[in-house]
Amino acid sequence: MKYIFPRQFGLHNVFTSKIDPRDTALPFKDYTLREKEIQQVLQRQSSKRGISRAKIDDMKLHVPKRLRGEPISLVNKLRKLNKKCSYIELLRHYCPVEVE
C-alpha cells in the first residue's frame, strides 16, 4: 500500500514533493524501488517518538484509518489479479514480433 498511496505514509510523491537534483537529473524521481526510503521514514518516526528498534517492525503494519477496510480489500484484489495476468502473452498478442 505504501507504493500505491505514498503520501498517506509520509513518503515522497510526484504531486507534492520537490525533486532533489543530486538524486536524479530526470523531471521525476524513480519510484520502482522504495525500500530504502521506507526504512528512512520508519527510523525518522521512531526517533521522534522515542521508539526502540524492536518496535519498528510493528510500525510497518500500521495503516492509516482512511485506508483501512475497503481500500485494503481492493489492493489485495489488485495484487491477486496482477499475479494471474500473463503479461508476456499480452505482449505477444498486441505487439507481435515478425520473424523474417
PDB file of N, CA and C in Angstrom:
ATOM      1  N   MET A   1       0.823  -1.193   0.000  1.00  0.00           N
ATOM      2  CA  MET A   1       0.000   0.000   0.000  1.00  0.00           C
ATOM      3  C   MET A   1       0.864   1.253   0.000  1.00  0.00           C
ATOM      4  N   LYS A   2       2.085   1.129   0.503  1.00  0.00           N
ATOM      5  CA  LYS A   2       2.977   2.284   0.532  1.00  0.00           C
ATOM      6  C   LYS A   2       3.394   2.712  -0.862  1.00  0.00           C
ATOM      7  N   TYR A   3       3.404   1.789  -1.793  1.00  0.00           N
ATOM      8  CA  TYR A   3       3.728   2.125  -3.181  1.00  0.00           C
ATOM      9  C   TYR A   3       2.548   2.802  -3.868  1.00  0.00           C
ATOM     10  N   ILE A   4       1.324   2.407  -3.517  1.00  0.00           N
ATOM     11  CA  ILE A   4       0.131   2.951  -4.166  1.00  0.00           C
ATOM     12  C   ILE A   4      -0.281   4.287  -3.552  1.00  0.00           C
ATOM     13  N   PHE A   5      -0.196   4.410  -2.228  1.00  0.00           N
ATOM     14  CA  PHE A   5      -0.586   5.632  -1.522  1.00  0.00           C
ATOM     15  C   PHE A   5       0.594   6.207  -0.745  1.00  0.00           C
ATOM     16  N   PRO A   6       1.655   6.683  -1.424  1.00  0.00           N
ATOM     17  CA  PRO A   6       2.852   7.129  -0.697  1.00  0.00           C
ATOM     18  C   PRO A   6       2.617   8.330   0.215  1.00  0.00           C
ATOM     19  N   ARG A   7       1.763   9.227  -0.193  1.00  0.00           N
ATOM     20  CA  ARG A   7       1.535  10.439   0.595  1.00  0.00           C
ATOM     21  C   ARG A   7       0.935  10.112   1.965  1.00  0.00           C
ATOM     22  N   GLN A   8       0.089   9.101   2.034  1.00  0.00           N
ATOM     23  CA  GLN A   8      -0.552   8.723   3.289  1.00  0.00           C
ATOM     24  C   GLN A   8       0.448   8.164   4.301  1.00  0.00           C
ATOM     25  N   PHE A   9       1.594   7.700   3.812  1.00  0.00           N
ATOM     26  CA  PHE A   9       2.614   7.118   4.687  1.00  0.00           C
ATOM     27  C   PHE A   9       3.815   8.043   4.865  1.00  0.00           C
ATOM     28  N   GLY A  10       3.723   9.286   4.375  1.00  0.00           N
ATOM     29  CA  GLY A  10       4.799  10.253   4.540  1.00  0.00           C
ATOM     30  C   GLY A  10       5.966  10.058   3.600  1.00  0.00           C
ATOM     31  N   LEU A  11       5.730   9.383   2.469  1.00  0.00           N
ATOM     32  CA  LEU A  11       6.792   9.137   1.502  1.00  0.00           C
ATOM     33  C   LEU A  11       6.767  10.199   0.404  1.00  0.00           C
ATOM     34  N   HIS A  12       7.860  10.274  -0.338  1.00  0.00           N
ATOM     35  CA  HIS A  12       7.975  11.202  -1.459  1.00  0.00           C
ATOM     36  C   HIS A  12       6.933  10.832  -2.506  1.00  0.00           C
ATOM     37  N   ASN A  13       6.243  11.850  -3.033  1.00  0.00           N
ATOM     38  CA  ASN A  13       5.269  11.579  -4.086  1.00  0.00           C
ATOM     39  C   ASN A  13       5.396  12.621  -5.182  1.00  0.00           C
ATOM     40  N   VAL A  14       4.937  12.286  -6.341  1.00  0.00           N
ATOM     41  CA  VAL A  14       5.147  13.104  -7.521  1.00  0.00           C
ATOM     42  C   VAL A  14       4.346  14.409  -7.485  1.00  0.00           C
ATOM     43  N   PHE A  15       3.273  14.470  -6.721  1.00  0.00           N
ATOM     44  CA  PHE A  15       2.400  15.633  -6.756  1.00  0.00           C
ATOM     45  C   PHE A  15       2.816  16.757  -5.817  1.00  0.00           C
ATOM     46  N   THR A  16       3.321  16.445  -4.642  1.00  0.00           N
ATOM     47  CA  THR A  16       3.604  17.493  -3.659  1.00  0.00           C
ATOM     48  C   THR A  16       5.073  17.644  -3.296  1.00  0.00           C
ATOM     49  N   SER A  17       5.914  16.703  -3.669  1.00  0.00           N
ATOM     50  CA  SER A  17       7.313  16.753  -3.267  1.00  0.00           C
ATOM     51  C   SER A  17       8.189  17.320  -4.372  1.00  0.00           C
ATOM     52  N   LYS A  18       9.255  17.978  -3.946  1.00  0.00           N
ATOM     53  CA  LYS A  18      10.210  18.543  -4.903  1.00  0.00           C
ATOM     54  C   LYS A  18      11.330  17.537  -5.160  1.00  0.00           C
ATOM     55  N   ILE A  19      11.894  17.627  -6.336  1.00  0.00           N
ATOM     56  CA  ILE A  19      12.969  16.726  -6.736  1.00  0.00           C
ATOM     57  C   ILE A  19      14.306  17.303  -6.293  1.00  0.00           C
ATOM     58  N   ASP A  20      15.136  16.461  -5.699  1.00  0.00           N
ATOM     59  CA  ASP A  20      16.485  16.851  -5.326  1.00  0.00           C
ATOM     60  C   ASP A  20      17.391  16.615  -6.532  1.00  0.00           C
ATOM     61  N   PRO A  21      18.011  17.656  -7.083  1.00  0.00           N
ATOM     62  CA  PRO A  21      18.846  17.462  -8.273  1.00  0.00           C
ATOM     63  C   PRO A  21      20.045  16.542  -8.036  1.00  0.00           C
ATOM     64  N   ARG A  22      20.426  16.323  -6.790  1.00  0.00           N
ATOM     65  CA  ARG A  22      21.525  15.404  -6.503  1.00  0.00           C
ATOM     66  C   ARG A  22      21.095  13.953  -6.662  1.00  0.00           C
ATOM     67  N   ASP A  23      19.794  13.688  -6.531  1.00  0.00           N
ATOM     68  CA  ASP A  23      19.282  12.318  -6.672  1.00  0.00           C
ATOM     69  C   ASP A  23      19.103  11.914  -8.129  1.00  0.00           C
ATOM     70  N   THR A  24      18.530  12.806  -8.927  1.00  0.00           N
ATOM     71  CA  THR A  24      18.225  12.453 -10.309  1.00  0.00           C
ATOM     72  C   THR A  24      18.225  13.692 -11.194  1.00  0.00           C
ATOM     73  N   ALA A  25      18.557  13.488 -12.449  1.00  0.00           N
ATOM     74  CA  ALA A  25      18.525  14.585 -13.412  1.00  0.00           C
ATOM     75  C   ALA A  25      17.200  14.600 -14.168  1.00  0.00           C
ATOM     76  N   LEU A  26      16.392  13.566 -13.947  1.00  0.00           N
ATOM     77  CA  LEU A  26      15.110  13.448 -14.617  1.00  0.00           C
ATOM     78  C   LEU A  26      14.071  14.348 -13.951  1.00  0.00           C
ATOM     79  N   PRO A  27      12.993  14.693 -14.669  1.00  0.00           N
ATOM     80  CA  PRO A  27      11.974  15.558 -14.063  1.00  0.00           C
ATOM     81  C   PRO A  27      11.207  14.873 -12.932  1.00  0.00           C
ATOM     82  N   PHE A  28      11.177  13.521 -12.910  1.00  0.00           N
ATOM     83  CA  PHE A  28      10.509  12.785 -11.845  1.00  0.00           C
ATOM     84  C   PHE A  28      11.458  11.754 -11.255  1.00  0.00           C
ATOM     85  N   LYS A  29      11.277  11.498  -9.995  1.00  0.00           N
ATOM     86  CA  LYS A  29      12.083  10.509  -9.298  1.00  0.00           C
ATOM     87  C   LYS A  29      11.625   9.105  -9.694  1.00  0.00           C
ATOM     88  N   ASP A  30      12.534   8.127  -9.637  1.00  0.00           N
ATOM     89  CA  ASP A  30      12.195   6.741  -9.943  1.00  0.00           C
ATOM     90  C   ASP A  30      11.564   6.114  -8.703  1.00  0.00           C
ATOM     91  N   TYR A  31      10.326   5.660  -8.844  1.00  0.00           N
ATOM     92  CA  TYR A  31       9.588   5.132  -7.702  1.00  0.00           C
ATOM     93  C   TYR A  31       9.472   3.610  -7.711  1.00  0.00           C
ATOM     94  N   THR A  32      10.270   2.923  -8.512  1.00  0.00           N
ATOM     95  CA  THR A  32      10.133   1.467  -8.589  1.00  0.00           C
ATOM     96  C   THR A  32      10.638   0.764  -7.335  1.00  0.00           C
ATOM     97  N   LEU A  33      11.718   1.229  -6.749  1.00  0.00           N
ATOM     98  CA  LEU A  33      12.255   0.623  -5.533  1.00  0.00           C
ATOM     99  C   LEU A  33      12.266   1.668  -4.420  1.00  0.00           C
ATOM    100  N   ARG A  34      11.446   1.470  -3.407  1.00  0.00           N
ATOM    101  CA  ARG A  34      11.293   2.454  -2.345  1.00  0.00           C
ATOM    102  C   ARG A  34      11.705   1.929  -0.981  1.00  0.00           C
ATOM    103  N   GLU A  35      12.282   0.756  -0.904  1.00  0.00           N
ATOM    104  CA  GLU A  35      12.573   0.147   0.386  1.00  0.00           C
ATOM    105  C   GLU A  35      13.494   1.017   1.248  1.00  0.00           C
ATOM    106  N   LYS A  36      14.497   1.622   0.628  1.00  0.00           N
ATOM    107  CA  LYS A  36      15.425   2.488   1.369  1.00  0.00           C
ATOM    108  C   LYS A  36      14.675   3.698   1.939  1.00  0.00           C
ATOM    109  N   GLU A  37      13.815   4.294   1.134  1.00  0.00           N
ATOM    110  CA  GLU A  37      13.037   5.455   1.575  1.00  0.00           C
ATOM    111  C   GLU A  37      12.066   5.064   2.692  1.00  0.00           C
ATOM    112  N   ILE A  38      11.446   3.906   2.591  1.00  0.00           N
ATOM    113  CA  ILE A  38      10.516   3.440   3.620  1.00  0.00           C
ATOM    114  C   ILE A  38      11.254   3.239   4.941  1.00  0.00           C
ATOM    115  N   GLN A  39      12.452   2.647   4.899  1.00  0.00           N
ATOM    116  CA  GLN A  39      13.252   2.459   6.114  1.00  0.00           C
ATOM    117  C   GLN A  39      13.634   3.793   6.746  1.00  0.00           C
ATOM    118  N   GLN A  40      13.999   4.776   5.926  1.00  0.00           N
ATOM    119  CA  GLN A  40      14.365   6.091   6.446  1.00  0.00           C
ATOM    120  C   GLN A  40      13.186   6.759   7.147  1.00  0.00           C
ATOM    121  N   VAL A  41      12.000   6.654   6.579  1.00  0.00           N
ATOM    122  CA  VAL A  41      10.812   7.247   7.191  1.00  0.00           C
ATOM    123  C   VAL A  41      10.495   6.552   8.502  1.00  0.00           C
ATOM    124  N   LEU A  42      10.601   5.224   8.546  1.00  0.00           N
ATOM    125  CA  LEU A  42      10.343   4.485   9.784  1.00  0.00           C
ATOM    126  C   LEU A  42      11.335   4.863  10.881  1.00  0.00           C
ATOM    127  N   GLN A  43      12.608   5.015  10.525  1.00  0.00           N
ATOM    128  CA  GLN A  43      13.615   5.400  11.514  1.00  0.00           C
ATOM    129  C   GLN A  43      13.375   6.822  12.010  1.00  0.00           C
ATOM    130  N   ARG A  44      12.998   7.711  11.102  1.00  0.00           N
ATOM    131  CA  ARG A  44      12.714   9.100  11.491  1.00  0.00           C
ATOM    132  C   ARG A  44      11.529   9.162  12.446  1.00  0.00           C
ATOM    133  N   GLN A  45      10.468   8.396  12.153  1.00  0.00           N
ATOM    134  CA  GLN A  45       9.291   8.376  13.021  1.00  0.00           C
ATOM    135  C   GLN A  45       9.611   7.746  14.369  1.00  0.00           C
ATOM    136  N   SER A  46      10.415   6.707  14.371  1.00  0.00           N
ATOM    137  CA  SER A  46      10.743   6.050  15.634  1.00  0.00           C
ATOM    138  C   SER A  46      11.620   6.935  16.514  1.00  0.00           C
ATOM    139  N   SER A  47      12.523   7.703  15.903  1.00  0.00           N
ATOM    140  CA  SER A  47      13.370   8.588  16.712  1.00  0.00           C
ATOM    141  C   SER A  47      12.560   9.754  17.277  1.00  0.00           C
ATOM    142  N   LYS A  48      11.571  10.234  16.542  1.00  0.00           N
ATOM    143  CA  LYS A  48      10.718  11.323  17.049  1.00  0.00           C
ATOM    144  C   LYS A  48       9.895  10.853  18.241  1.00  0.00           C
ATOM    145  N   ARG A  49       9.406   9.636  18.170  1.00  0.00           N
ATOM    146  CA  ARG A  49       8.529   9.108  19.215  1.00  0.00           C
ATOM    147  C   ARG A  49       9.292   8.414  20.333  1.00  0.00           C
ATOM    148  N   GLY A  50      10.594   8.233  20.147  1.00  0.00           N
ATOM    149  CA  GLY A  50      11.392   7.552  21.160  1.00  0.00           C
ATOM    150  C   GLY A  50      11.126   6.060  21.210  1.00  0.00           C
ATOM    151  N   ILE A  51      10.870   5.481  20.068  1.00  0.00           N
ATOM    152  CA  ILE A  51      10.556   4.060  19.980  1.00  0.00           C
ATOM    153  C   ILE A  51      11.841   3.275  19.715  1.00  0.00           C
ATOM    154  N   SER A  52      11.953   2.124  20.345  1.00  0.00           N
ATOM    155  CA  SER A  52      13.143   1.296  20.157  1.00  0.00           C
ATOM    156  C   SER A  52      13.116   0.613  18.796  1.00  0.00           C
ATOM    157  N   ARG A  53      14.253   0.089  18.395  1.00  0.00           N
ATOM    158  CA  ARG A  53      14.376  -0.599  17.098  1.00  0.00           C
ATOM    159  C   ARG A  53      13.475  -1.837  17.023  1.00  0.00           C
ATOM    160  N   ALA A  54      13.224  -2.467  18.151  1.00  0.00           N
ATOM    161  CA  ALA A  54      12.399  -3.674  18.162  1.00  0.00           C
ATOM    162  C   ALA A  54      10.957  -3.379  17.754  1.00  0.00           C
ATOM    163  N   LYS A  55      10.485  -2.189  18.023  1.00  0.00           N
ATOM    164  CA  LYS A  55       9.100  -1.832  17.705  1.00  0.00           C
ATOM    165  C   LYS A  55       8.935  -1.309  16.280  1.00  0.00           C
ATOM    166  N   ILE A  56      10.032  -1.137  15.551  1.00  0.00           N
ATOM    167  CA  ILE A  56       9.939  -0.647  14.176  1.00  0.00           C
ATOM    168  C   ILE A  56       9.160  -1.637  13.317  1.00  0.00           C
ATOM    169  N   ASP A  57       9.310  -2.936  13.575  1.00  0.00           N
ATOM    170  CA  ASP A  57       8.569  -3.939  12.811  1.00  0.00           C
ATOM    171  C   ASP A  57       7.062  -3.786  13.000  1.00  0.00           C
ATOM    172  N   ASP A  58       6.638  -3.398  14.210  1.00  0.00           N
ATOM    173  CA  ASP A  58       5.207  -3.182  14.450  1.00  0.00           C
ATOM    174  C   ASP A  58       4.708  -1.960  13.687  1.00  0.00           C
ATOM    175  N   MET A  59       5.576  -0.966  13.506  1.00  0.00           N
ATOM    176  CA  MET A  59       5.184   0.246  12.784  1.00  0.00           C
ATOM    177  C   MET A  59       4.952  -0.065  11.304  1.00  0.00           C
ATOM    178  N   LYS A  60       5.626  -1.090  10.775  1.00  0.00           N
ATOM    179  CA  LYS A  60       5.445  -1.449   9.373  1.00  0.00           C
ATOM    180  C   LYS A  60       4.009  -1.880   9.101  1.00  0.00           C
ATOM    181  N   LEU A  61       3.344  -2.417  10.101  1.00  0.00           N
ATOM    182  CA  LEU A  61       1.989  -2.913   9.928  1.00  0.00           C
ATOM    183  C   LEU A  61       0.932  -1.827  10.075  1.00  0.00           C
ATOM    184  N   HIS A  62       1.303  -0.644  10.538  1.00  0.00           N
ATOM    185  CA  HIS A  62       0.337   0.432  10.755  1.00  0.00           C
ATOM    186  C   HIS A  62      -0.190   0.958   9.422  1.00  0.00           C
ATOM    187  N   VAL A  63      -1.515   0.999   9.317  1.00  0.00           N
ATOM    188  CA  VAL A  63      -2.176   1.535   8.124  1.00  0.00           C
ATOM    189  C   VAL A  63      -3.066   2.674   8.592  1.00  0.00           C
ATOM    190  N   PRO A  64      -2.985   3.851   7.949  1.00  0.00           N
ATOM    191  CA  PRO A  64      -3.854   4.963   8.343  1.00  0.00           C
ATOM    192  C   PRO A  64      -5.336   4.567   8.281  1.00  0.00           C
ATOM    193  N   LYS A  65      -6.160   5.188   9.141  1.00  0.00           N
ATOM    194  CA  LYS A  65      -7.574   4.828   9.234  1.00  0.00           C
ATOM    195  C   LYS A  65      -8.300   4.948   7.902  1.00  0.00           C
ATOM    196  N   ARG A  66      -7.996   5.978   7.120  1.00  0.00           N
ATOM    197  CA  ARG A  66      -8.715   6.196   5.856  1.00  0.00           C
ATOM    198  C   ARG A  66      -8.412   5.118   4.823  1.00  0.00           C
ATOM    199  N   LEU A  67      -7.353   4.311   5.045  1.00  0.00           N
ATOM    200  CA  LEU A  67      -7.015   3.254   4.106  1.00  0.00           C
ATOM    201  C   LEU A  67      -7.402   1.866   4.618  1.00  0.00           C
ATOM    202  N   ARG A  68      -8.064   1.793   5.738  1.00  0.00           N
ATOM    203  CA  ARG A  68      -8.480   0.501   6.270  1.00  0.00           C
ATOM    204  C   ARG A  68      -9.819   0.092   5.670  1.00  0.00           C
ATOM    205  N   GLY A  69     -10.098  -1.181   5.692  1.00  0.00           N
ATOM    206  CA  GLY A  69     -11.384  -1.676   5.209  1.00  0.00           C
ATOM    207  C   GLY A  69     -11.393  -1.907   3.714  1.00  0.00           C
ATOM    208  N   GLU A  70     -12.245  -1.194   3.006  1.00  0.00           N
ATOM    209  CA  GLU A  70     -12.429  -1.391   1.565  1.00  0.00           C
ATOM    210  C   GLU A  70     -11.153  -1.172   0.753  1.00  0.00           C
ATOM    211  N   PRO A  71     -10.357  -0.118   1.014  1.00  0.00           N
ATOM    212  CA  PRO A  71      -9.117   0.036   0.234  1.00  0.00           C
ATOM    213  C   PRO A  71      -8.169  -1.158   0.367  1.00  0.00           C
ATOM    214  N   ILE A  72      -8.080  -1.754   1.540  1.00  0.00           N
ATOM    215  CA  ILE A  72      -7.204  -2.916   1.717  1.00  0.00           C
ATOM    216  C   ILE A  72      -7.696  -4.078   0.859  1.00  0.00           C
ATOM    217  N   SER A  73      -9.002  -4.306   0.851  1.00  0.00           N
ATOM    218  CA  SER A  73      -9.529  -5.413   0.035  1.00  0.00           C
ATOM    219  C   SER A  73      -9.340  -5.130  -1.449  1.00  0.00           C
ATOM    220  N   LEU A  74      -9.453  -3.870  -1.874  1.00  0.00           N
ATOM    221  CA  LEU A  74      -9.226  -3.524  -3.278  1.00  0.00           C
ATOM    222  C   LEU A  74      -7.768  -3.739  -3.676  1.00  0.00           C
ATOM    223  N   VAL A  75      -6.843  -3.378  -2.805  1.00  0.00           N
ATOM    224  CA  VAL A  75      -5.419  -3.576  -3.089  1.00  0.00           C
ATOM    225  C   VAL A  75      -5.100  -5.068  -3.150  1.00  0.00           C
ATOM    226  N   ASN A  76      -5.677  -5.850  -2.248  1.00  0.00           N
ATOM    227  CA  ASN A  76      -5.460  -7.299  -2.288  1.00  0.00           C
ATOM    228  C   ASN A  76      -6.007  -7.907  -3.584  1.00  0.00           C
ATOM    229  N   LYS A  77      -7.168  -7.421  -4.016  1.00  0.00           N
ATOM    230  CA  LYS A  77      -7.750  -7.898  -5.271  1.00  0.00           C
ATOM    231  C   LYS A  77      -6.857  -7.533  -6.455  1.00  0.00           C
ATOM    232  N   LEU A  78      -6.326  -6.308  -6.444  1.00  0.00           N
ATOM    233  CA  LEU A  78      -5.402  -5.869  -7.493  1.00  0.00           C
ATOM    234  C   LEU A  78      -4.169  -6.756  -7.549  1.00  0.00           C
ATOM    235  N   ARG A  79      -3.601  -7.065  -6.389  1.00  0.00           N
ATOM    236  CA  ARG A  79      -2.410  -7.913  -6.339  1.00  0.00           C
ATOM    237  C   ARG A  79      -2.708  -9.314  -6.854  1.00  0.00           C
ATOM    238  N   LYS A  80      -3.869  -9.856  -6.486  1.00  0.00           N
ATOM    239  CA  LYS A  80      -4.235 -11.195  -6.935  1.00  0.00           C
ATOM    240  C   LYS A  80      -4.416 -11.217  -8.456  1.00  0.00           C
ATOM    241  N   LEU A  81      -5.110 -10.226  -9.007  1.00  0.00           N
ATOM    242  CA  LEU A  81      -5.313 -10.166 -10.454  1.00  0.00           C
ATOM    243  C   LEU A  81      -3.996  -9.954 -11.196  1.00  0.00           C
ATOM    244  N   ASN A  82      -3.091  -9.179 -10.601  1.00  0.00           N
ATOM    245  CA  ASN A  82      -1.790  -8.939 -11.206  1.00  0.00           C
ATOM    246  C   ASN A  82      -0.984 -10.238 -11.293  1.00  0.00           C
ATOM    247  N   LYS A  83      -1.088 -11.074 -10.272  1.00  0.00           N
ATOM    248  CA  LYS A  83      -0.374 -12.361 -10.290  1.00  0.00           C
ATOM    249  C   LYS A  83      -0.915 -13.282 -11.377  1.00  0.00           C
ATOM    250  N   LYS A  84      -2.226 -13.234 -11.608  1.00  0.00           N
ATOM    251  CA  LYS A  84      -2.855 -14.112 -12.597  1.00  0.00           C
ATOM    252  C   LYS A  84      -2.568 -13.689 -14.032  1.00  0.00           C
ATOM    253  N   CYS A  85      -2.352 -12.401 -14.249  1.00  0.00           N
ATOM    254  CA  CYS A  85      -2.210 -11.873 -15.608  1.00  0.00           C
ATOM    255  C   CYS A  85      -0.872 -12.297 -16.217  1.00  0.00           C
ATOM    256  N   SER A  86      -0.943 -12.803 -17.438  1.00  0.00           N
ATOM    257  CA  SER A  86       0.267 -13.185 -18.162  1.00  0.00           C
ATOM    258  C   SER A  86       0.665 -12.021 -19.068  1.00  0.00           C
ATOM    259  N   TYR A  87       1.576 -11.214 -18.596  1.00  0.00           N
ATOM    260  CA  TYR A  87       1.989 -10.035 -19.356  1.00  0.00           C
ATOM    261  C   TYR A  87       2.760 -10.413 -20.617  1.00  0.00           C
ATOM    262  N   ILE A  88       3.430 -11.542 -20.594  1.00  0.00           N
ATOM    263  CA  ILE A  88       4.159 -11.997 -21.784  1.00  0.00           C
ATOM    264  C   ILE A  88       3.175 -12.320 -22.908  1.00  0.00           C
ATOM    265  N   GLU A  89       2.082 -12.992 -22.555  1.00  0.00           N
ATOM    266  CA  GLU A  89       1.076 -13.314 -23.569  1.00  0.00           C
ATOM    267  C   GLU A  89       0.391 -12.055 -24.094  1.00  0.00           C
ATOM    268  N   LEU A  90       0.152 -11.089 -23.242  1.00  0.00           N
ATOM    269  CA  LEU A  90      -0.416  -9.815 -23.699  1.00  0.00           C
ATOM    270  C   LEU A  90       0.529  -9.122 -24.672  1.00  0.00           C
ATOM    271  N   LEU A  91       1.792  -9.130 -24.341  1.00  0.00           N
ATOM    272  CA  LEU A  91       2.791  -8.517 -25.210  1.00  0.00           C
ATOM    273  C   LEU A  91       2.865  -9.230 -26.554  1.00  0.00           C
ATOM    274  N   ARG A  92       2.848 -10.560 -26.531  1.00  0.00           N
ATOM    275  CA  ARG A  92       2.875 -11.319 -27.782  1.00  0.00           C
ATOM    276  C   ARG A  92       1.635 -11.064 -28.640  1.00  0.00           C
ATOM    277  N   HIS A  93       0.495 -10.896 -27.988  1.00  0.00           N
ATOM    278  CA  HIS A  93      -0.744 -10.683 -28.738  1.00  0.00           C
ATOM    279  C   HIS A  93      -0.802  -9.289 -29.354  1.00  0.00           C
ATOM    280  N   TYR A  94      -0.506  -8.260 -28.554  1.00  0.00           N
ATOM    281  CA  TYR A  94      -0.667  -6.884 -29.032  1.00  0.00           C
ATOM    282  C   TYR A  94       0.579  -6.328 -29.738  1.00  0.00           C
ATOM    283  N   CYS A  95       1.722  -6.907 -29.477  1.00  0.00           N
ATOM    284  CA  CYS A  95       2.962  -6.439 -30.129  1.00  0.00           C
ATOM    285  C   CYS A  95       3.722  -7.641 -30.684  1.00  0.00           C
ATOM    286  N   PRO A  96       3.180  -8.282 -31.697  1.00  0.00           N
ATOM    287  CA  PRO A  96       3.847  -9.479 -32.224  1.00  0.00           C
ATOM    288  C   PRO A  96       5.162  -9.121 -32.906  1.00  0.00           C
ATOM    289  N   VAL A  97       6.112 -10.032 -32.774  1.00  0.00           N
ATOM    290  CA  VAL A  97       7.409  -9.865 -33.434  1.00  0.00           C
ATOM    291  C   VAL A  97       7.410 -10.763 -34.659  1.00  0.00           C
ATOM    292  N   GLU A  98       7.580 -10.159 -35.800  1.00  0.00           N
ATOM    293  CA  GLU A  98       7.573 -10.930 -37.037  1.00  0.00           C
ATOM    294  C   GLU A  98       8.984 -11.435 -37.313  1.00  0.00           C
ATOM    295  N   VAL A  99       9.091 -12.731 -37.550  1.00  0.00           N
ATOM    296  CA  VAL A  99      10.381 -13.339 -37.857  1.00  0.00           C
ATOM    297  C   VAL A  99      10.491 -13.464 -39.368  1.00  0.00           C
ATOM    298  N   GLU A 100      11.561 -12.953 -39.929  1.00  0.00           N
ATOM    299  CA  GLU A 100      11.743 -12.975 -41.384  1.00  0.00           C
ATOM    300  C   GLU A 100      12.565 -14.138 -41.831  1.00  0.00           C
TER     301      GLU A 100
END
